[in-house]
C-alpha atoms as a PDB file:
ATOM      1  CA  MET A   1      12.864 -39.840  -2.018  1.00  0.00           C
ATOM      2  CA  SER A   2      13.415 -37.273  -4.821  1.00  0.00           C
ATOM      3  CA  ASP A   3      10.398 -35.271  -3.588  1.00  0.00           C
ATOM      4  CA  MET A   4      11.969 -35.202  -0.178  1.00  0.00           C
ATOM      5  CA  SER A   5      15.310 -33.981  -1.514  1.00  0.00           C
ATOM      6  CA  ASN A   6      13.651 -31.327  -3.748  1.00  0.00           C
ATOM      7  CA  ASN A   7      11.695 -30.202  -0.735  1.00  0.00           C
ATOM      8  CA  LYS A   8      14.916 -30.130   1.290  1.00  0.00           C
ATOM      9  CA  ASP A   9      16.790 -28.113  -1.358  1.00  0.00           C
ATOM     10  CA  GLU A  10      13.908 -25.664  -1.550  1.00  0.00           C
ATOM     11  CA  LEU A  11      13.814 -25.262   2.239  1.00  0.00           C
ATOM     12  CA  VAL A  12      17.588 -24.705   2.394  1.00  0.00           C
ATOM     13  CA  GLN A  13      17.297 -22.119  -0.392  1.00  0.00           C
ATOM     14  CA  ARG A  14      14.516 -20.386   1.538  1.00  0.00           C
ATOM     15  CA  ALA A  15      16.667 -20.369   4.665  1.00  0.00           C
ATOM     16  CA  LYS A  16      19.537 -18.717   2.755  1.00  0.00           C
ATOM     17  CA  LEU A  17      17.227 -16.048   1.333  1.00  0.00           C
ATOM     18  CA  ALA A  18      15.771 -15.428   4.790  1.00  0.00           C
ATOM     19  CA  GLU A  19      19.312 -15.034   6.166  1.00  0.00           C
ATOM     20  CA  GLN A  20      20.150 -12.435   3.500  1.00  0.00           C
ATOM     21  CA  ALA A  21      16.987 -10.544   4.418  1.00  0.00           C
ATOM     22  CA  GLU A  22      17.801 -10.951   8.148  1.00  0.00           C
ATOM     23  CA  ARG A  23      14.461 -12.700   8.692  1.00  0.00           C
ATOM     24  CA  TYR A  24      15.852 -15.143  11.215  1.00  0.00           C
ATOM     25  CA  ASP A  25      12.497 -16.463  12.460  1.00  0.00           C
ATOM     26  CA  ASP A  26      11.690 -17.577   8.895  1.00  0.00           C
ATOM     27  CA  MET A  27      15.191 -18.966   8.527  1.00  0.00           C
ATOM     28  CA  ALA A  28      14.803 -21.001  11.736  1.00  0.00           C
ATOM     29  CA  GLN A  29      11.421 -22.360  10.603  1.00  0.00           C
ATOM     30  CA  SER A  30      12.894 -23.542   7.282  1.00  0.00           C
ATOM     31  CA  MET A  31      15.856 -25.214   8.968  1.00  0.00           C
ATOM     32  CA  LYS A  32      13.603 -26.806  11.581  1.00  0.00           C
ATOM     33  CA  LYS A  33      11.648 -28.431   8.728  1.00  0.00           C
ATOM     34  CA  VAL A  34      14.890 -29.572   7.071  1.00  0.00           C
ATOM     35  CA  THR A  35      15.970 -31.200  10.354  1.00  0.00           C
ATOM     36  CA  GLU A  36      12.592 -32.893  10.799  1.00  0.00           C
ATOM     37  CA  LEU A  37      13.001 -34.622   7.414  1.00  0.00           C
ATOM     38  CA  GLY A  38      15.332 -36.852   9.435  1.00  0.00           C
ATOM     39  CA  ALA A  39      18.488 -37.008   7.307  1.00  0.00           C
ATOM     40  CA  GLU A  40      21.901 -36.081   8.683  1.00  0.00           C
ATOM     41  CA  LEU A  41      22.669 -32.433   7.942  1.00  0.00           C
ATOM     42  CA  SER A  42      25.585 -31.330   5.772  1.00  0.00           C
ATOM     43  CA  ASN A  43      28.109 -28.861   7.222  1.00  0.00           C
ATOM     44  CA  GLU A  44      26.379 -26.023   5.398  1.00  0.00           C
ATOM     45  CA  GLU A  45      22.918 -27.028   6.673  1.00  0.00           C
ATOM     46  CA  ARG A  46      24.273 -27.466  10.189  1.00  0.00           C
ATOM     47  CA  ASN A  47      25.700 -23.942  10.118  1.00  0.00           C
ATOM     48  CA  LEU A  48      22.462 -22.481   8.716  1.00  0.00           C
ATOM     49  CA  LEU A  49      20.495 -24.093  11.564  1.00  0.00           C
ATOM     50  CA  SER A  50      22.956 -22.800  14.146  1.00  0.00           C
ATOM     51  CA  VAL A  51      23.000 -19.231  12.753  1.00  0.00           C
ATOM     52  CA  ALA A  52      19.198 -19.109  12.499  1.00  0.00           C
ATOM     53  CA  TYR A  53      18.454 -20.072  16.096  1.00  0.00           C
ATOM     54  CA  LYS A  54      21.414 -18.123  17.464  1.00  0.00           C
ATOM     55  CA  ASN A  55      19.923 -14.958  15.953  1.00  0.00           C
ATOM     56  CA  VAL A  56      16.340 -15.762  16.952  1.00  0.00           C
ATOM     57  CA  VAL A  57      17.370 -16.310  20.566  1.00  0.00           C
ATOM     58  CA  GLY A  58      20.067 -13.620  20.524  1.00  0.00           C
ATOM     59  CA  ALA A  59      17.560 -10.954  19.544  1.00  0.00           C
ATOM     60  CA  ARG A  60      15.548 -11.811  22.634  1.00  0.00           C
ATOM     61  CA  ARG A  61      18.231 -12.647  25.189  1.00  0.00           C
ATOM     62  CA  SER A  62      19.185  -9.034  25.783  1.00  0.00           C
ATOM     63  CA  SER A  63      15.676  -8.232  26.974  1.00  0.00           C
ATOM     64  CA  TRP A  64      15.067 -11.453  28.932  1.00  0.00           C
ATOM     65  CA  ARG A  65      16.018 -10.002  32.278  1.00  0.00           C
ATOM     66  CA  VAL A  66      13.430  -7.216  32.108  1.00  0.00           C
ATOM     67  CA  ILE A  67      10.420  -8.903  30.540  1.00  0.00           C
ATOM     68  CA  SER A  68       7.391 -10.533  32.093  1.00  0.00           C
ATOM     69  CA  SER A  69       7.393 -14.203  32.990  1.00  0.00           C
ATOM     70  CA  ILE A  70       4.828 -14.933  30.243  1.00  0.00           C
ATOM     71  CA  GLU A  71       7.213 -13.615  27.597  1.00  0.00           C
ATOM     72  CA  GLN A  72      10.089 -15.440  29.252  1.00  0.00           C
ATOM     73  CA  LYS A  73       8.151 -18.648  28.790  1.00  0.00           C
ATOM     74  CA  THR A  74       7.823 -17.912  25.053  1.00  0.00           C
ATOM     75  CA  GLU A  75      11.566 -17.418  24.697  1.00  0.00           C
ATOM     76  CA  GLY A  76      12.160 -20.547  26.768  1.00  0.00           C
ATOM     77  CA  ASP A  77       9.968 -22.391  24.270  1.00  0.00           C
ATOM     78  CA  ILE A  78      12.310 -21.366  21.439  1.00  0.00           C
ATOM     79  CA  CYS A  79      15.263 -22.860  23.323  1.00  0.00           C
ATOM     80  CA  GLN A  80      13.197 -25.964  24.009  1.00  0.00           C
ATOM     81  CA  ASP A  81      12.454 -26.162  20.280  1.00  0.00           C
ATOM     82  CA  VAL A  82      16.179 -26.309  19.511  1.00  0.00           C
ATOM     83  CA  LEU A  83      16.848 -28.795  22.316  1.00  0.00           C
ATOM     84  CA  ASN A  84      14.097 -31.093  20.993  1.00  0.00           C
ATOM     85  CA  LEU A  85      15.620 -31.003  17.487  1.00  0.00           C
ATOM     86  CA  LEU A  86      19.029 -31.800  18.963  1.00  0.00           C
ATOM     87  CA  ASP A  87      17.820 -34.737  21.082  1.00  0.00           C
ATOM     88  CA  LYS A  88      15.381 -36.204  18.574  1.00  0.00           C
ATOM     89  CA  TYR A  89      17.198 -35.769  15.255  1.00  0.00           C
ATOM     90  CA  LEU A  90      20.612 -34.145  15.279  1.00  0.00           C
ATOM     91  CA  ILE A  91      22.624 -35.858  18.028  1.00  0.00           C
ATOM     92  CA  PRO A  92      21.357 -39.408  17.240  1.00  0.00           C
ATOM     93  CA  LYS A  93      22.139 -38.897  13.514  1.00  0.00           C
ATOM     94  CA  ALA A  94      25.575 -37.318  14.031  1.00  0.00           C
ATOM     95  CA  GLY A  95      27.816 -39.611  11.986  1.00  0.00           C
ATOM     96  CA  ASN A  96      31.223 -38.192  12.910  1.00  0.00           C
ATOM     97  CA  PRO A  97      32.913 -36.668  15.980  1.00  0.00           C
ATOM     98  CA  GLU A  98      32.857 -33.160  14.482  1.00  0.00           C
ATOM     99  CA  SER A  99      29.051 -33.188  14.103  1.00  0.00           C
ATOM    100  CA  LYS A 100      28.559 -34.762  17.513  1.00  0.00           C
ATOM    101  CA  VAL A 101      30.723 -32.119  19.222  1.00  0.00           C
ATOM    102  CA  PHE A 102      29.008 -29.325  17.263  1.00  0.00           C
ATOM    103  CA  TYR A 103      25.533 -30.471  18.383  1.00  0.00           C
ATOM    104  CA  LEU A 104      26.497 -31.211  21.996  1.00  0.00           C
ATOM    105  CA  LYS A 105      28.072 -27.750  22.217  1.00  0.00           C
ATOM    106  CA  MET A 106      24.842 -26.316  20.820  1.00  0.00           C
ATOM    107  CA  LYS A 107      22.895 -28.255  23.471  1.00  0.00           C
ATOM    108  CA  GLY A 108      25.151 -26.822  26.183  1.00  0.00           C
ATOM    109  CA  ASP A 109      24.648 -23.324  24.747  1.00  0.00           C
ATOM    110  CA  TYR A 110      20.838 -23.489  24.759  1.00  0.00           C
ATOM    111  CA  TYR A 111      20.667 -24.881  28.285  1.00  0.00           C
ATOM    112  CA  ARG A 112      23.053 -22.050  29.238  1.00  0.00           C
ATOM    113  CA  TYR A 113      20.647 -19.495  27.716  1.00  0.00           C
ATOM    114  CA  LEU A 114      17.827 -21.052  29.762  1.00  0.00           C
ATOM    115  CA  ALA A 115      20.010 -20.872  32.890  1.00  0.00           C
ATOM    116  CA  GLU A 116      20.325 -17.102  32.393  1.00  0.00           C
ATOM    117  CA  VAL A 117      16.602 -16.626  33.054  1.00  0.00           C
ATOM    118  CA  ALA A 118      15.698 -19.623  35.234  1.00  0.00           C
ATOM    119  CA  SER A 119      15.641 -19.581  39.026  1.00  0.00           C
ATOM    120  CA  GLY A 120      15.498 -22.014  41.949  1.00  0.00           C
ATOM    121  CA  ASP A 121      15.287 -25.736  41.190  1.00  0.00           C
ATOM    122  CA  ASP A 122      14.569 -25.073  37.505  1.00  0.00           C
ATOM    123  CA  ARG A 123      17.892 -23.273  37.224  1.00  0.00           C
ATOM    124  CA  ASN A 124      19.769 -26.114  38.935  1.00  0.00           C
ATOM    125  CA  VAL A 125      18.358 -28.608  36.426  1.00  0.00           C
ATOM    126  CA  VAL A 126      19.262 -26.594  33.305  1.00  0.00           C
ATOM    127  CA  VAL A 127      22.707 -25.679  34.674  1.00  0.00           C
ATOM    128  CA  GLU A 128      23.455 -29.365  35.248  1.00  0.00           C
ATOM    129  CA  LYS A 129      22.234 -30.305  31.757  1.00  0.00           C
ATOM    130  CA  SER A 130      24.311 -27.535  30.219  1.00  0.00           C
ATOM    131  CA  GLN A 131      27.439 -28.681  32.039  1.00  0.00           C
ATOM    132  CA  GLN A 132      26.853 -32.343  31.097  1.00  0.00           C
ATOM    133  CA  SER A 133      26.450 -31.439  27.409  1.00  0.00           C
ATOM    134  CA  TYR A 134      29.567 -29.273  27.335  1.00  0.00           C
ATOM    135  CA  GLN A 135      31.572 -31.910  29.218  1.00  0.00           C
ATOM    136  CA  GLU A 136      30.519 -34.725  26.870  1.00  0.00           C
ATOM    137  CA  ALA A 137      31.409 -32.561  23.861  1.00  0.00           C
ATOM    138  CA  PHE A 138      34.714 -31.606  25.489  1.00  0.00           C
ATOM    139  CA  ASP A 139      35.686 -35.244  26.148  1.00  0.00           C
ATOM    140  CA  ILE A 140      34.968 -36.240  22.520  1.00  0.00           C
ATOM    141  CA  ALA A 141      36.764 -33.158  21.152  1.00  0.00           C
ATOM    142  CA  LYS A 142      39.906 -33.851  23.214  1.00  0.00           C
ATOM    143  CA  ASP A 143      39.944 -37.463  22.072  1.00  0.00           C
ATOM    144  CA  LYS A 144      39.031 -37.054  18.395  1.00  0.00           C
ATOM    145  CA  MET A 145      39.838 -33.518  17.207  1.00  0.00           C
ATOM    146  CA  GLN A 146      42.960 -31.399  16.735  1.00  0.00           C
ATOM    147  CA  PRO A 147      43.445 -28.676  19.405  1.00  0.00           C
ATOM    148  CA  THR A 148      43.392 -26.130  16.547  1.00  0.00           C
ATOM    149  CA  HIS A 149      40.001 -27.236  15.154  1.00  0.00           C
ATOM    150  CA  PRO A 150      37.622 -24.226  15.230  1.00  0.00           C
ATOM    151  CA  ILE A 151      34.751 -26.303  16.665  1.00  0.00           C
ATOM    152  CA  ARG A 152      36.952 -27.588  19.511  1.00  0.00           C
ATOM    153  CA  LEU A 153      38.220 -24.043  20.176  1.00  0.00           C
ATOM    154  CA  GLY A 154      34.691 -22.595  20.062  1.00  0.00           C
ATOM    155  CA  LEU A 155      33.548 -25.238  22.522  1.00  0.00           C
ATOM    156  CA  ALA A 156      36.372 -24.331  24.931  1.00  0.00           C
ATOM    157  CA  LEU A 157      35.420 -20.657  24.651  1.00  0.00           C
ATOM    158  CA  ASN A 158      31.720 -21.272  25.404  1.00  0.00           C
ATOM    159  CA  PHE A 159      32.460 -23.776  28.171  1.00  0.00           C
ATOM    160  CA  SER A 160      34.712 -21.197  29.852  1.00  0.00           C
ATOM    161  CA  VAL A 161      31.926 -18.583  29.544  1.00  0.00           C
ATOM    162  CA  PHE A 162      29.599 -21.105  31.241  1.00  0.00           C
ATOM    163  CA  TYR A 163      32.037 -21.486  34.161  1.00  0.00           C
ATOM    164  CA  TYR A 164      32.491 -17.736  34.457  1.00  0.00           C
ATOM    165  CA  GLU A 165      28.907 -16.494  34.064  1.00  0.00           C
ATOM    166  CA  ILE A 166      26.724 -19.400  35.175  1.00  0.00           C
ATOM    167  CA  LEU A 167      28.816 -21.219  37.804  1.00  0.00           C
ATOM    168  CA  ASN A 168      30.600 -18.065  38.959  1.00  0.00           C
ATOM    169  CA  ALA A 169      33.941 -19.893  38.808  1.00  0.00           C
ATOM    170  CA  PRO A 170      36.393 -17.437  37.183  1.00  0.00           C
ATOM    171  CA  ASP A 171      39.484 -19.513  38.080  1.00  0.00           C
ATOM    172  CA  LYS A 172      38.120 -22.606  36.343  1.00  0.00           C
ATOM    173  CA  ALA A 173      37.010 -20.484  33.358  1.00  0.00           C
ATOM    174  CA  CYS A 174      40.490 -18.967  32.962  1.00  0.00           C
ATOM    175  CA  GLN A 175      42.206 -22.322  33.407  1.00  0.00           C
ATOM    176  CA  LEU A 176      40.043 -23.933  30.715  1.00  0.00           C
ATOM    177  CA  ALA A 177      40.549 -21.059  28.250  1.00  0.00           C
ATOM    178  CA  LYS A 178      44.319 -20.932  28.882  1.00  0.00           C
ATOM    179  CA  GLN A 179      44.696 -24.700  28.439  1.00  0.00           C
ATOM    180  CA  ALA A 180      42.784 -24.622  25.136  1.00  0.00           C
ATOM    181  CA  PHE A 181      44.906 -21.695  23.915  1.00  0.00           C
ATOM    182  CA  ASP A 182      48.198 -23.346  24.957  1.00  0.00           C
ATOM    183  CA  ASP A 183      47.219 -26.686  23.359  1.00  0.00           C
ATOM    184  CA  ALA A 184      46.368 -24.915  20.101  1.00  0.00           C
ATOM    185  CA  ILE A 185      49.589 -22.846  20.091  1.00  0.00           C
ATOM    186  CA  ALA A 186      51.616 -26.040  20.538  1.00  0.00           C
ATOM    187  CA  GLU A 187      50.050 -27.498  17.389  1.00  0.00           C
ATOM    188  CA  LEU A 188      49.760 -24.458  15.145  1.00  0.00           C
ATOM    189  CA  ASP A 189      51.348 -26.417  12.305  1.00  0.00           C
ATOM    190  CA  THR A 190      48.238 -28.642  12.155  1.00  0.00           C
ATOM    191  CA  LEU A 191      46.051 -25.653  11.213  1.00  0.00           C
ATOM    192  CA  ASN A 192      44.556 -26.143   7.787  1.00  0.00           C
ATOM    193  CA  GLU A 193      44.067 -23.228   5.422  1.00  0.00           C
ATOM    194  CA  ASP A 194      40.258 -23.432   5.362  1.00  0.00           C
ATOM    195  CA  SER A 195      39.870 -22.921   9.076  1.00  0.00           C
ATOM    196  CA  TYR A 196      42.929 -20.724   9.722  1.00  0.00           C
ATOM    197  CA  LYS A 197      40.923 -17.513  10.070  1.00  0.00           C
ATOM    198  CA  ASP A 198      38.226 -19.044  12.308  1.00  0.00           C
ATOM    199  CA  SER A 199      40.729 -20.820  14.540  1.00  0.00           C
ATOM    200  CA  THR A 200      43.038 -17.835  15.055  1.00  0.00           C
ATOM    201  CA  LEU A 201      40.079 -15.542  15.803  1.00  0.00           C
ATOM    202  CA  ILE A 202      38.769 -17.897  18.513  1.00  0.00           C
ATOM    203  CA  MET A 203      42.308 -18.263  19.884  1.00  0.00           C
ATOM    204  CA  GLN A 204      42.483 -14.471  20.272  1.00  0.00           C
ATOM    205  CA  LEU A 205      39.154 -14.527  22.126  1.00  0.00           C
ATOM    206  CA  LEU A 206      40.412 -17.300  24.419  1.00  0.00           C
ATOM    207  CA  ARG A 207      43.582 -15.337  25.137  1.00  0.00           C
ATOM    208  CA  ASP A 208      41.740 -12.044  25.757  1.00  0.00           C
ATOM    209  CA  ASN A 209      39.209 -13.690  28.047  1.00  0.00           C
END
């Protein structure tokens, strides 16, 4: 067990160094290995994993629409990598609502990225999976989390982007964003100091959207 935790600490340290050097592929590899050790991730580890893959995929998303289908497949594989980690390790091990919502939102995000480059029946499948993941996260968040919680607010923001960009439903997108903003405003006194900055920033984004 101690070998495993030393190995884990070393991998997390490597991921942090890779982040500082902006070597996000290396960072993602380290955090993938941490996840595959099978233990539930701490908040810090969860955020490292999210940042790593967000940057790996983000660097490629901008060019997805103009690259060959072979390269598209490679980028799709990266998303599939994340989705496998989520289904096999992260979602089943999520021990509290916050983690569960975080990972389901992440699942919705990566299916949404796939939807940006998929077509035909393939696109219908990933769009449906994205919507299901966001909706499940949304239901848990509404039931178990404060309206001002940054993860709940971030989920509302991304879910509204999904409605706007993927489903081409601007009215639904605006309604969702406005509701999340109004709910948060009504409970501003529940904002805790640690997340004040994150929450208010996302609230501004929801309002401006």
